[in-house]
């Protein structure tokens, strides 16, 4: 089947619908306001965005045209609510849905990151199961994910979804150092060290926010 290409806003909206159905089914389907909040979360999202109701509403209209989103009526609420048909349209297993949801919401990820960050969506038994799931998605015709070239200085390759089209290759340094060249002095300056620390602090803050959300979700089960 042909992949209905998504915009970045549509990808975030679809990923949020998928995530909330699996993690908080008691609040699914979502109202427009709840969906805007889900898209704009500061944790479990990369990049963090600030979409308005108009942005999300237009994305929903487009996703409905692509048969990936639906309006769900009925019940006691008069507020219009929205759901998705992601698994049905692409014939996906729960493991595949979970892996794609992580990629839609967080951008390119390693196998280990996908396994660790999809626990509330699907509990992968081990790295092998996560790897097999990604391989299956990559071998489809057309493929839904791709393995990106390993970037210099990293130990593992990352996977990215193809629902928004081909993924641009990571930027390559404009001036590569000659072989056996000593590291640049600038790399060891206080400014560079400070920049690295700021990156590490940002990552730690993101992980702390994730832990707080998971703890809050755990507590809500007993409220």
N, C-alpha and C. Protein backbone atom coordinates (compact mmCIF):
# COMPACT_ATOMS: atom_id res chain seq x y z
N UNK A 1 0.83 -1.19 0.00
CA UNK A 1 0.00 0.00 0.00
C UNK A 1 0.87 1.25 0.00
N UNK A 2 0.32 2.32 -0.52
CA UNK A 2 1.04 3.59 -0.54
C UNK A 2 0.94 4.26 0.82
N UNK A 3 2.07 4.80 1.30
CA UNK A 3 2.08 5.46 2.60
C UNK A 3 1.49 6.86 2.46
N UNK A 4 0.45 7.21 3.24
CA UNK A 4 -0.06 8.58 3.21
C UNK A 4 0.89 9.47 3.99
N UNK A 5 1.71 10.25 3.31
CA UNK A 5 2.74 11.04 3.97
C UNK A 5 2.13 12.08 4.91
N UNK A 6 2.75 12.23 6.06
CA UNK A 6 2.25 13.13 7.09
C UNK A 6 3.14 14.36 7.22
N UNK A 7 2.54 15.46 7.67
CA UNK A 7 3.32 16.62 8.08
C UNK A 7 3.82 16.37 9.50
N UNK A 8 4.70 17.24 9.98
CA UNK A 8 5.20 17.09 11.34
C UNK A 8 4.07 17.21 12.36
N UNK A 9 3.12 18.12 12.11
CA UNK A 9 2.00 18.30 13.04
C UNK A 9 1.13 17.05 13.03
N UNK A 10 0.85 16.51 11.87
CA UNK A 10 0.03 15.30 11.77
C UNK A 10 0.70 14.13 12.48
N UNK A 11 2.03 14.02 12.33
CA UNK A 11 2.76 12.94 12.99
C UNK A 11 2.64 13.06 14.51
N UNK A 12 2.76 14.29 15.03
CA UNK A 12 2.65 14.49 16.47
C UNK A 12 1.23 14.18 16.97
N UNK A 13 0.23 14.61 16.21
CA UNK A 13 -1.17 14.36 16.59
C UNK A 13 -1.45 12.86 16.57
N UNK A 14 -1.03 12.18 15.52
CA UNK A 14 -1.27 10.74 15.42
C UNK A 14 -0.54 9.99 16.53
N UNK A 15 0.72 10.33 16.76
CA UNK A 15 1.47 9.67 17.81
C UNK A 15 0.85 9.88 19.18
N UNK A 16 0.31 11.07 19.42
CA UNK A 16 -0.33 11.36 20.71
C UNK A 16 -1.60 10.55 20.89
N UNK A 17 -2.38 10.43 19.84
CA UNK A 17 -3.60 9.62 19.92
C UNK A 17 -3.26 8.16 20.23
N UNK A 18 -2.25 7.64 19.55
CA UNK A 18 -1.84 6.26 19.76
C UNK A 18 -1.36 6.07 21.19
N UNK A 19 -0.50 6.97 21.65
CA UNK A 19 0.05 6.86 23.00
C UNK A 19 -1.05 6.87 24.06
N UNK A 20 -1.97 7.83 23.96
CA UNK A 20 -3.00 7.97 24.99
C UNK A 20 -3.98 6.81 24.98
N UNK A 21 -4.24 6.23 23.82
CA UNK A 21 -5.13 5.07 23.80
C UNK A 21 -4.52 3.91 24.59
N UNK A 22 -3.20 3.74 24.47
CA UNK A 22 -2.54 2.61 25.11
C UNK A 22 -2.20 2.86 26.57
N UNK A 23 -1.89 4.11 26.92
CA UNK A 23 -1.43 4.38 28.29
C UNK A 23 -2.55 4.84 29.22
N UNK A 24 -3.53 5.55 28.69
CA UNK A 24 -4.66 6.02 29.52
C UNK A 24 -5.97 5.75 28.78
N UNK A 25 -6.31 4.47 28.58
CA UNK A 25 -7.51 4.14 27.81
C UNK A 25 -8.80 4.68 28.42
N UNK A 26 -8.77 4.95 29.75
CA UNK A 26 -9.98 5.48 30.39
C UNK A 26 -10.30 6.90 29.93
N UNK A 27 -9.30 7.60 29.37
CA UNK A 27 -9.51 8.97 28.89
C UNK A 27 -9.56 9.05 27.36
N UNK A 28 -9.55 7.89 26.72
CA UNK A 28 -9.57 7.83 25.24
C UNK A 28 -10.97 7.47 24.78
N UNK A 29 -11.48 8.05 23.69
CA UNK A 29 -10.89 9.03 22.77
C UNK A 29 -10.70 10.39 23.43
N UNK A 30 -9.96 11.27 22.74
CA UNK A 30 -9.57 12.55 23.31
C UNK A 30 -10.37 13.71 22.74
N UNK A 31 -10.67 14.65 23.62
CA UNK A 31 -11.25 15.91 23.16
C UNK A 31 -10.15 16.71 22.48
N UNK A 32 -10.53 17.76 21.77
CA UNK A 32 -9.53 18.59 21.09
C UNK A 32 -8.58 19.21 22.11
N UNK A 33 -9.11 19.68 23.22
CA UNK A 33 -8.27 20.30 24.25
C UNK A 33 -7.28 19.29 24.83
N UNK A 34 -7.77 18.08 25.12
CA UNK A 34 -6.88 17.05 25.67
C UNK A 34 -5.81 16.66 24.66
N UNK A 35 -6.16 16.64 23.39
CA UNK A 35 -5.20 16.28 22.35
C UNK A 35 -4.14 17.37 22.19
N UNK A 36 -4.54 18.62 22.27
CA UNK A 36 -3.57 19.72 22.21
C UNK A 36 -2.57 19.58 23.36
N UNK A 37 -3.08 19.31 24.55
CA UNK A 37 -2.19 19.14 25.71
C UNK A 37 -1.26 17.95 25.53
N UNK A 38 -1.77 16.87 24.94
CA UNK A 38 -0.94 15.69 24.70
C UNK A 38 0.18 16.00 23.70
N UNK A 39 -0.16 16.76 22.68
CA UNK A 39 0.86 17.12 21.68
C UNK A 39 1.95 18.01 22.28
N UNK A 40 1.54 18.89 23.22
CA UNK A 40 2.46 19.89 23.75
C UNK A 40 3.15 19.48 25.05
N UNK A 41 3.05 18.21 25.42
CA UNK A 41 3.74 17.75 26.63
C UNK A 41 5.23 18.10 26.55
N UNK A 42 5.82 18.37 27.71
CA UNK A 42 7.25 18.67 27.72
C UNK A 42 8.08 17.43 27.99
N UNK A 43 7.43 16.36 28.42
CA UNK A 43 8.16 15.11 28.61
C UNK A 43 7.69 14.08 27.59
N UNK A 44 8.55 13.15 27.28
CA UNK A 44 8.27 12.11 26.28
C UNK A 44 8.04 12.69 24.88
N UNK A 45 8.55 13.89 24.62
CA UNK A 45 8.38 14.53 23.32
C UNK A 45 9.71 15.14 22.86
N UNK A 46 10.01 14.98 21.59
CA UNK A 46 11.18 15.62 21.01
C UNK A 46 10.90 15.85 19.52
N UNK A 47 10.80 17.11 19.11
CA UNK A 47 10.99 18.31 19.92
C UNK A 47 9.73 18.66 20.71
N UNK A 48 9.91 19.52 21.71
CA UNK A 48 8.76 20.07 22.43
C UNK A 48 8.14 21.15 21.56
N UNK A 49 6.83 21.14 21.44
CA UNK A 49 6.13 22.08 20.56
C UNK A 49 5.07 22.85 21.34
N UNK A 50 4.48 23.83 20.69
CA UNK A 50 3.42 24.63 21.31
C UNK A 50 2.32 24.85 20.27
N UNK A 51 1.67 23.77 19.86
CA UNK A 51 0.61 23.86 18.87
C UNK A 51 -0.65 24.47 19.49
N UNK A 52 -1.37 25.23 18.68
CA UNK A 52 -2.65 25.76 19.10
C UNK A 52 -3.77 24.84 18.63
N UNK A 53 -5.00 25.15 19.07
CA UNK A 53 -6.13 24.32 18.67
C UNK A 53 -6.32 24.31 17.16
N UNK A 54 -6.03 25.45 16.51
CA UNK A 54 -6.16 25.51 15.06
C UNK A 54 -5.20 24.56 14.36
N UNK A 55 -3.96 24.50 14.84
CA UNK A 55 -2.96 23.60 14.25
C UNK A 55 -3.42 22.14 14.36
N UNK A 56 -3.86 21.78 15.56
CA UNK A 56 -4.27 20.40 15.79
C UNK A 56 -5.55 20.06 15.05
N UNK A 57 -6.47 21.01 15.00
CA UNK A 57 -7.74 20.78 14.29
C UNK A 57 -7.51 20.55 12.81
N UNK A 58 -6.63 21.36 12.21
CA UNK A 58 -6.32 21.18 10.78
C UNK A 58 -5.62 19.84 10.54
N UNK A 59 -4.73 19.47 11.45
CA UNK A 59 -4.05 18.18 11.32
C UNK A 59 -5.06 17.03 11.41
N UNK A 60 -6.03 17.15 12.31
CA UNK A 60 -7.06 16.12 12.44
C UNK A 60 -7.88 16.00 11.16
N UNK A 61 -8.24 17.13 10.57
CA UNK A 61 -9.00 17.10 9.32
C UNK A 61 -8.22 16.35 8.25
N UNK A 62 -6.93 16.63 8.15
CA UNK A 62 -6.09 15.96 7.16
C UNK A 62 -5.95 14.48 7.47
N UNK A 63 -5.77 14.14 8.75
CA UNK A 63 -5.65 12.73 9.12
C UNK A 63 -6.96 11.98 8.85
N UNK A 64 -8.08 12.65 9.02
CA UNK A 64 -9.37 12.02 8.71
C UNK A 64 -9.48 11.77 7.21
N UNK A 65 -9.00 12.72 6.39
CA UNK A 65 -9.00 12.51 4.94
C UNK A 65 -8.14 11.31 4.56
N UNK A 66 -7.09 11.07 5.34
CA UNK A 66 -6.19 9.94 5.09
C UNK A 66 -6.66 8.67 5.80
N UNK A 67 -7.83 8.75 6.45
CA UNK A 67 -8.45 7.63 7.16
C UNK A 67 -7.62 7.14 8.33
N UNK A 68 -6.81 8.01 8.89
CA UNK A 68 -5.99 7.66 10.04
C UNK A 68 -6.59 8.17 11.35
N UNK A 69 -7.52 9.10 11.27
CA UNK A 69 -8.19 9.63 12.46
C UNK A 69 -9.69 9.63 12.22
N UNK A 70 -10.44 9.55 13.32
CA UNK A 70 -11.90 9.51 13.23
C UNK A 70 -12.49 10.34 14.36
N UNK A 71 -13.71 10.85 14.12
CA UNK A 71 -14.50 11.46 15.17
C UNK A 71 -15.33 10.37 15.81
N UNK A 72 -15.29 10.29 17.14
CA UNK A 72 -16.01 9.25 17.86
C UNK A 72 -17.16 9.89 18.63
N UNK A 73 -18.36 9.50 18.34
CA UNK A 73 -19.54 10.07 18.98
C UNK A 73 -20.20 9.04 19.87
N UNK A 74 -21.16 9.51 20.64
CA UNK A 74 -21.87 8.60 21.54
C UNK A 74 -21.48 8.83 22.98
N UNK A 75 -22.14 8.16 23.89
CA UNK A 75 -21.87 8.35 25.30
C UNK A 75 -22.58 9.58 25.84
N UNK A 76 -22.21 9.99 27.04
CA UNK A 76 -22.89 11.10 27.69
C UNK A 76 -22.27 12.45 27.37
N UNK A 77 -21.04 12.46 26.89
CA UNK A 77 -20.36 13.73 26.62
C UNK A 77 -20.83 14.33 25.30
N UNK A 78 -21.04 15.64 25.34
CA UNK A 78 -21.40 16.36 24.12
C UNK A 78 -20.18 16.93 23.41
N UNK A 79 -19.02 16.79 24.05
CA UNK A 79 -17.79 17.30 23.45
C UNK A 79 -17.32 16.34 22.37
N UNK A 80 -16.96 16.88 21.22
CA UNK A 80 -16.47 16.05 20.11
C UNK A 80 -15.13 15.43 20.51
N UNK A 81 -15.00 14.14 20.26
CA UNK A 81 -13.76 13.45 20.62
C UNK A 81 -13.18 12.73 19.39
N UNK A 82 -11.88 12.46 19.50
CA UNK A 82 -11.15 11.94 18.34
C UNK A 82 -10.37 10.68 18.70
N UNK A 83 -10.32 9.78 17.72
CA UNK A 83 -9.55 8.55 17.86
C UNK A 83 -8.73 8.33 16.60
N UNK A 84 -8.05 7.20 16.53
CA UNK A 84 -7.21 6.90 15.38
C UNK A 84 -7.51 5.51 14.84
N UNK A 85 -7.06 5.26 13.61
CA UNK A 85 -7.18 3.95 12.96
C UNK A 85 -5.80 3.48 12.48
N UNK A 86 -4.77 3.86 13.22
CA UNK A 86 -3.40 3.62 12.82
C UNK A 86 -3.12 2.15 12.57
N UNK A 87 -3.42 1.31 13.55
CA UNK A 87 -3.13 -0.12 13.43
C UNK A 87 -3.93 -0.76 12.31
N UNK A 88 -5.18 -0.32 12.13
CA UNK A 88 -6.04 -0.90 11.10
C UNK A 88 -5.55 -0.55 9.70
N UNK A 89 -5.20 0.71 9.50
CA UNK A 89 -4.78 1.16 8.17
C UNK A 89 -3.50 0.46 7.73
N UNK A 90 -2.55 0.31 8.65
CA UNK A 90 -1.26 -0.29 8.29
C UNK A 90 -1.13 -1.76 8.69
N UNK A 91 -2.17 -2.33 9.27
CA UNK A 91 -2.15 -3.73 9.72
C UNK A 91 -0.93 -3.98 10.61
N UNK A 92 -0.94 -3.37 11.78
CA UNK A 92 0.20 -3.42 12.69
C UNK A 92 -0.12 -4.22 13.94
N UNK A 93 0.90 -4.90 14.45
CA UNK A 93 0.78 -5.55 15.75
C UNK A 93 0.97 -4.51 16.84
N UNK A 94 0.66 -4.87 18.07
CA UNK A 94 0.84 -3.92 19.18
C UNK A 94 2.30 -3.52 19.32
N UNK A 95 3.21 -4.46 19.16
CA UNK A 95 4.63 -4.13 19.26
C UNK A 95 5.04 -3.13 18.18
N UNK A 96 4.53 -3.31 16.97
CA UNK A 96 4.85 -2.39 15.87
C UNK A 96 4.25 -1.02 16.12
N UNK A 97 3.02 -0.99 16.64
CA UNK A 97 2.38 0.29 16.97
C UNK A 97 3.21 1.02 18.02
N UNK A 98 3.65 0.30 19.04
CA UNK A 98 4.44 0.92 20.11
C UNK A 98 5.74 1.51 19.58
N UNK A 99 6.45 0.74 18.77
CA UNK A 99 7.72 1.22 18.23
C UNK A 99 7.53 2.47 17.37
N UNK A 100 6.51 2.45 16.53
CA UNK A 100 6.25 3.60 15.67
C UNK A 100 5.79 4.81 16.48
N UNK A 101 5.02 4.57 17.53
CA UNK A 101 4.57 5.69 18.37
C UNK A 101 5.75 6.39 19.02
N UNK A 102 6.71 5.61 19.51
CA UNK A 102 7.91 6.21 20.10
C UNK A 102 8.65 7.05 19.08
N UNK A 103 8.78 6.54 17.86
CA UNK A 103 9.49 7.27 16.81
C UNK A 103 8.72 8.53 16.40
N UNK A 104 7.39 8.44 16.36
CA UNK A 104 6.58 9.61 16.01
C UNK A 104 6.70 10.72 17.04
N UNK A 105 6.81 10.34 18.31
CA UNK A 105 6.80 11.33 19.39
C UNK A 105 8.19 11.80 19.80
N UNK A 106 9.21 10.99 19.54
CA UNK A 106 10.55 11.30 20.05
C UNK A 106 11.61 11.47 18.97
N UNK A 107 11.27 11.19 17.72
CA UNK A 107 12.29 11.26 16.69
C UNK A 107 13.15 10.01 16.67
N UNK A 108 14.25 10.01 15.90
CA UNK A 108 15.10 8.82 15.76
C UNK A 108 15.59 8.29 17.10
N UNK A 109 15.59 6.96 17.24
CA UNK A 109 15.96 6.29 18.48
C UNK A 109 16.78 5.04 18.20
N UNK A 110 17.62 4.67 19.16
CA UNK A 110 18.32 3.39 19.07
C UNK A 110 17.35 2.27 19.47
N UNK A 111 17.76 1.04 19.21
CA UNK A 111 16.93 -0.10 19.59
C UNK A 111 16.69 -0.10 21.10
N UNK A 112 17.76 0.14 21.87
CA UNK A 112 17.64 0.16 23.32
C UNK A 112 16.70 1.25 23.80
N UNK A 113 16.76 2.43 23.19
CA UNK A 113 15.87 3.52 23.58
C UNK A 113 14.42 3.18 23.28
N UNK A 114 14.19 2.57 22.14
CA UNK A 114 12.82 2.19 21.78
C UNK A 114 12.28 1.17 22.78
N UNK A 115 13.12 0.20 23.12
CA UNK A 115 12.66 -0.80 24.10
C UNK A 115 12.35 -0.15 25.45
N UNK A 116 13.27 0.70 25.93
CA UNK A 116 13.10 1.30 27.26
C UNK A 116 11.95 2.30 27.31
N UNK A 117 11.70 2.99 26.20
CA UNK A 117 10.72 4.07 26.22
C UNK A 117 9.33 3.65 25.74
N UNK A 118 9.17 2.40 25.41
CA UNK A 118 7.85 1.93 24.96
C UNK A 118 7.17 1.05 26.00
N UNK A 119 7.76 0.98 27.21
CA UNK A 119 7.24 0.08 28.22
C UNK A 119 5.77 0.27 28.55
N UNK A 120 5.29 1.51 28.54
CA UNK A 120 3.88 1.76 28.86
C UNK A 120 2.98 1.47 27.66
N UNK A 121 3.59 1.32 26.49
CA UNK A 121 2.83 1.02 25.27
C UNK A 121 2.84 -0.48 24.98
N UNK A 122 4.02 -1.06 25.13
CA UNK A 122 4.21 -2.50 24.90
C UNK A 122 5.50 -2.90 25.58
N UNK A 123 5.47 -3.99 26.32
CA UNK A 123 6.65 -4.45 27.05
C UNK A 123 7.45 -5.42 26.18
N UNK A 124 8.50 -4.91 25.53
CA UNK A 124 9.37 -5.80 24.76
C UNK A 124 10.12 -6.71 25.72
N UNK A 125 10.15 -7.99 25.41
CA UNK A 125 10.80 -8.96 26.29
C UNK A 125 12.30 -8.69 26.41
N UNK A 126 12.92 -8.30 25.29
CA UNK A 126 14.35 -8.03 25.29
C UNK A 126 14.69 -7.21 24.06
N UNK A 127 15.97 -6.90 23.91
CA UNK A 127 16.41 -6.12 22.76
C UNK A 127 16.16 -6.85 21.45
N UNK A 128 16.26 -8.17 21.50
CA UNK A 128 16.06 -8.96 20.29
C UNK A 128 14.65 -8.78 19.73
N UNK A 129 13.66 -8.76 20.63
CA UNK A 129 12.29 -8.57 20.15
C UNK A 129 12.10 -7.19 19.55
N UNK A 130 12.69 -6.18 20.18
CA UNK A 130 12.59 -4.82 19.65
C UNK A 130 13.28 -4.74 18.29
N UNK A 131 14.45 -5.37 18.17
CA UNK A 131 15.19 -5.37 16.91
C UNK A 131 14.39 -6.07 15.81
N UNK A 132 13.78 -7.20 16.14
CA UNK A 132 12.98 -7.95 15.17
C UNK A 132 11.78 -7.13 14.70
N UNK A 133 11.15 -6.43 15.64
CA UNK A 133 10.00 -5.59 15.30
C UNK A 133 10.40 -4.49 14.32
N UNK A 134 11.52 -3.83 14.60
CA UNK A 134 12.00 -2.77 13.71
C UNK A 134 12.39 -3.32 12.34
N UNK A 135 13.02 -4.50 12.33
CA UNK A 135 13.41 -5.12 11.07
C UNK A 135 12.17 -5.43 10.23
N UNK A 136 11.12 -5.91 10.88
CA UNK A 136 9.87 -6.21 10.17
C UNK A 136 9.28 -4.96 9.54
N UNK A 137 9.30 -3.86 10.30
CA UNK A 137 8.77 -2.60 9.79
C UNK A 137 9.63 -2.06 8.64
N UNK A 138 10.93 -2.31 8.72
CA UNK A 138 11.84 -1.84 7.68
C UNK A 138 11.76 -2.67 6.40
N UNK A 139 11.31 -3.93 6.54
CA UNK A 139 11.25 -4.83 5.38
C UNK A 139 9.91 -4.82 4.68
N UNK A 140 8.97 -4.05 5.20
CA UNK A 140 7.67 -3.96 4.53
C UNK A 140 7.81 -3.27 3.19
N UNK A 141 6.79 -3.41 2.37
CA UNK A 141 6.80 -2.75 1.06
C UNK A 141 5.55 -1.86 0.94
N UNK A 142 5.71 -0.56 1.03
CA UNK A 142 6.96 0.18 1.30
C UNK A 142 7.31 0.13 2.79
N UNK A 143 8.59 0.39 3.11
CA UNK A 143 9.02 0.33 4.51
C UNK A 143 8.43 1.47 5.34
N UNK A 144 8.23 1.20 6.63
CA UNK A 144 7.71 2.23 7.54
C UNK A 144 8.79 2.83 8.42
N UNK A 145 9.93 2.13 8.54
CA UNK A 145 11.06 2.68 9.29
C UNK A 145 12.33 2.44 8.49
N UNK A 146 13.36 3.16 8.87
CA UNK A 146 14.66 2.98 8.24
C UNK A 146 15.74 3.07 9.30
N UNK A 147 16.84 2.36 9.08
CA UNK A 147 17.99 2.44 9.97
C UNK A 147 18.93 3.51 9.44
N UNK A 148 19.19 4.52 10.24
CA UNK A 148 20.03 5.64 9.82
C UNK A 148 21.51 5.27 9.93
N UNK A 149 22.36 5.85 9.10
CA UNK A 149 23.80 5.60 9.23
C UNK A 149 24.27 6.01 10.62
N UNK A 150 25.15 5.21 11.18
CA UNK A 150 25.67 5.52 12.51
C UNK A 150 26.51 6.78 12.46
N UNK A 151 26.22 7.72 13.35
CA UNK A 151 26.94 8.98 13.36
C UNK A 151 28.29 8.83 14.07
N UNK A 152 29.28 9.61 13.64
CA UNK A 152 30.59 9.55 14.30
C UNK A 152 30.46 9.84 15.79
N UNK A 153 31.16 9.04 16.59
CA UNK A 153 31.13 9.26 18.03
C UNK A 153 30.00 8.54 18.74
N UNK A 154 29.15 7.83 18.00
CA UNK A 154 28.06 7.08 18.62
C UNK A 154 28.31 5.59 18.46
N UNK A 155 27.79 4.80 19.41
CA UNK A 155 28.02 3.36 19.40
C UNK A 155 26.96 2.60 18.63
N UNK A 156 25.75 3.18 18.53
CA UNK A 156 24.65 2.45 17.91
C UNK A 156 23.99 3.29 16.82
N UNK A 157 23.41 2.59 15.87
CA UNK A 157 22.62 3.26 14.84
C UNK A 157 21.24 3.59 15.40
N UNK A 158 20.59 4.56 14.81
CA UNK A 158 19.25 4.93 15.24
C UNK A 158 18.26 4.61 14.12
N UNK A 159 17.03 4.37 14.52
CA UNK A 159 15.94 4.13 13.58
C UNK A 159 15.03 5.34 13.53
N UNK A 160 14.44 5.57 12.36
CA UNK A 160 13.49 6.68 12.19
C UNK A 160 12.29 6.17 11.39
N UNK A 161 11.14 6.75 11.63
CA UNK A 161 9.95 6.38 10.85
C UNK A 161 9.97 7.10 9.50
N UNK A 162 9.24 6.54 8.56
CA UNK A 162 9.19 7.12 7.21
C UNK A 162 7.80 7.67 6.87
N UNK A 163 6.99 7.90 7.89
CA UNK A 163 5.62 8.37 7.66
C UNK A 163 5.58 9.82 7.20
N UNK A 164 6.69 10.53 7.37
CA UNK A 164 6.78 11.91 6.86
C UNK A 164 7.69 11.97 5.63
N UNK A 165 8.03 10.82 5.07
CA UNK A 165 8.92 10.78 3.91
C UNK A 165 10.33 10.41 4.32
N UNK A 166 11.23 10.49 3.36
CA UNK A 166 12.62 10.12 3.61
C UNK A 166 13.24 11.02 4.67
N UNK A 167 14.09 10.44 5.49
CA UNK A 167 14.74 11.19 6.57
C UNK A 167 16.06 11.75 6.05
N UNK A 168 16.28 13.08 6.19
CA UNK A 168 17.55 13.66 5.73
C UNK A 168 18.72 13.04 6.48
N UNK A 169 19.82 12.84 5.77
CA UNK A 169 21.01 12.31 6.41
C UNK A 169 21.56 13.31 7.40
N UNK A 170 22.14 12.84 8.52
CA UNK A 170 22.72 13.77 9.49
C UNK A 170 23.78 14.64 8.84
N UNK A 171 23.85 15.87 9.31
CA UNK A 171 24.82 16.81 8.75
C UNK A 171 26.23 16.27 8.94
N UNK A 172 27.02 16.40 7.90
CA UNK A 172 28.41 15.94 7.94
C UNK A 172 29.31 17.15 8.17
N UNK A 173 30.33 16.98 8.98
CA UNK A 173 31.26 18.08 9.25
C UNK A 173 31.83 18.60 7.95
N UNK A 174 31.89 19.92 7.82
CA UNK A 174 32.35 20.52 6.57
C UNK A 174 33.84 20.37 6.38
N UNK A 175 34.57 20.25 7.46
CA UNK A 175 36.02 20.11 7.32
C UNK A 175 36.49 19.00 8.24
N UNK A 176 36.67 17.82 7.68
CA UNK A 176 37.10 16.68 8.49
C UNK A 176 38.55 16.85 8.89
N UNK A 177 38.90 16.41 10.09
CA UNK A 177 40.28 16.49 10.54
C UNK A 177 41.12 15.44 9.83
N UNK A 178 42.37 15.73 9.54
CA UNK A 178 43.25 14.72 8.95
C UNK A 178 43.40 13.55 9.90
N UNK A 179 43.75 12.38 9.35
CA UNK A 179 43.93 11.18 10.17
C UNK A 179 45.02 11.44 11.20
N UNK A 180 44.83 10.86 12.39
CA UNK A 180 45.79 10.97 13.49
C UNK A 180 46.02 12.41 13.93
N UNK A 181 45.09 13.31 13.56
CA UNK A 181 45.22 14.70 13.95
C UNK A 181 44.79 14.84 15.40
N UNK A 182 45.53 15.59 16.18
CA UNK A 182 45.17 15.79 17.59
C UNK A 182 43.88 16.58 17.68
N UNK A 183 43.07 16.36 18.71
CA UNK A 183 41.83 17.10 18.87
C UNK A 183 42.09 18.58 18.92
N UNK A 184 41.14 19.33 18.40
CA UNK A 184 41.24 20.79 18.39
C UNK A 184 41.29 21.32 19.80
N UNK A 185 42.06 22.39 20.01
CA UNK A 185 42.15 23.00 21.33
C UNK A 185 40.81 23.52 21.78
N UNK A 186 39.99 23.95 20.79
CA UNK A 186 38.69 24.50 21.13
C UNK A 186 37.80 23.48 21.81
N UNK A 187 38.07 22.17 21.49
CA UNK A 187 37.21 21.14 22.05
C UNK A 187 37.40 20.99 23.54
N UNK A 188 38.55 21.48 24.05
CA UNK A 188 38.80 21.32 25.47
C UNK A 188 38.73 22.64 26.22
N UNK A 189 38.16 23.68 25.61
CA UNK A 189 38.04 24.97 26.26
C UNK A 189 36.94 24.92 27.32
N UNK A 190 36.99 25.82 28.30
CA UNK A 190 35.91 25.87 29.30
C UNK A 190 34.53 26.06 28.67
N UNK A 191 34.47 26.84 27.59
CA UNK A 191 33.17 27.05 26.95
C UNK A 191 32.61 25.75 26.40
N UNK A 192 33.49 24.93 25.78
CA UNK A 192 33.04 23.66 25.23
C UNK A 192 32.61 22.72 26.35
N UNK A 193 33.38 22.72 27.45
CA UNK A 193 33.02 21.87 28.58
C UNK A 193 31.67 22.28 29.16
N UNK A 194 31.45 23.60 29.25
CA UNK A 194 30.17 24.10 29.76
C UNK A 194 29.02 23.67 28.87
N UNK A 195 29.24 23.76 27.55
CA UNK A 195 28.19 23.36 26.61
C UNK A 195 27.84 21.89 26.77
N UNK A 196 28.88 21.05 26.96
CA UNK A 196 28.63 19.62 27.14
C UNK A 196 27.86 19.36 28.43
N UNK A 197 28.22 20.09 29.49
CA UNK A 197 27.50 19.93 30.76
C UNK A 197 26.04 20.34 30.63
N UNK A 198 25.80 21.42 29.87
CA UNK A 198 24.42 21.88 29.68
C UNK A 198 23.59 20.82 28.96
N UNK A 199 24.21 20.14 27.99
CA UNK A 199 23.51 19.08 27.27
C UNK A 199 23.19 17.93 28.22
N UNK A 200 24.17 17.56 29.05
CA UNK A 200 23.95 16.46 29.99
C UNK A 200 22.86 16.81 31.00
N UNK A 201 22.86 18.07 31.48
CA UNK A 201 21.84 18.50 32.43
C UNK A 201 20.46 18.45 31.79
N UNK A 202 20.37 18.89 30.53
CA UNK A 202 19.09 18.85 29.83
C UNK A 202 18.58 17.43 29.70
N UNK A 203 19.49 16.48 29.42
CA UNK A 203 19.09 15.08 29.30
C UNK A 203 18.61 14.54 30.65
N UNK A 204 19.33 14.91 31.72
CA UNK A 204 18.93 14.45 33.05
C UNK A 204 17.57 15.01 33.43
N UNK A 205 17.32 16.27 33.09
CA UNK A 205 16.03 16.87 33.39
C UNK A 205 14.91 16.16 32.64
N UNK A 206 15.19 15.79 31.39
CA UNK A 206 14.19 15.09 30.60
C UNK A 206 13.89 13.73 31.22
N UNK A 207 14.93 13.02 31.65
CA UNK A 207 14.73 11.71 32.27
C UNK A 207 13.97 11.85 33.59
N UNK A 208 14.27 12.91 34.37
CA UNK A 208 13.56 13.14 35.63
C UNK A 208 12.09 13.42 35.38
N UNK A 209 11.79 14.21 34.32
CA UNK A 209 10.39 14.49 33.99
C UNK A 209 9.65 13.22 33.61
N UNK A 210 10.34 12.32 32.89
CA UNK A 210 9.72 11.05 32.51
C UNK A 210 9.43 10.20 33.74
N UNK A 211 10.37 10.17 34.67
CA UNK A 211 10.17 9.39 35.89
C UNK A 211 9.01 9.96 36.71
N UNK A 212 8.93 11.30 36.76
CA UNK A 212 7.83 11.91 37.50
C UNK A 212 6.48 11.56 36.89
N UNK A 213 6.42 11.56 35.55
CA UNK A 213 5.15 11.25 34.90
C UNK A 213 4.78 9.78 35.16
N UNK A 214 5.76 8.90 35.08
CA UNK A 214 5.49 7.49 35.33
C UNK A 214 5.01 7.26 36.76
N UNK A 215 5.64 7.99 37.73
CA UNK A 215 5.22 7.85 39.12
C UNK A 215 3.81 8.39 39.33
N UNK A 216 3.50 9.53 38.67
CA UNK A 216 2.16 10.10 38.78
C UNK A 216 1.13 9.16 38.18
N UNK A 217 1.48 8.52 37.07
CA UNK A 217 0.58 7.56 36.44
C UNK A 217 0.36 6.36 37.35
N UNK A 218 1.42 5.93 38.04
CA UNK A 218 1.29 4.81 38.97
C UNK A 218 0.38 5.17 40.14
N UNK A 219 0.53 6.38 40.66
CA UNK A 219 -0.29 6.81 41.80
C UNK A 219 -1.76 6.92 41.40
N UNK A 220 -2.01 7.37 40.15
CA UNK A 220 -3.40 7.54 39.72
C UNK A 220 -4.15 6.21 39.72
N UNK A 221 -3.41 5.11 39.59
CA UNK A 221 -4.06 3.80 39.60
C UNK A 221 -4.69 3.47 40.93
N UNK A 222 -4.21 4.15 42.01
CA UNK A 222 -4.71 3.86 43.35
C UNK A 222 -5.59 4.97 43.91
N UNK A 223 -5.80 6.04 43.10
CA UNK A 223 -6.65 7.14 43.57
C UNK A 223 -8.13 6.76 43.48
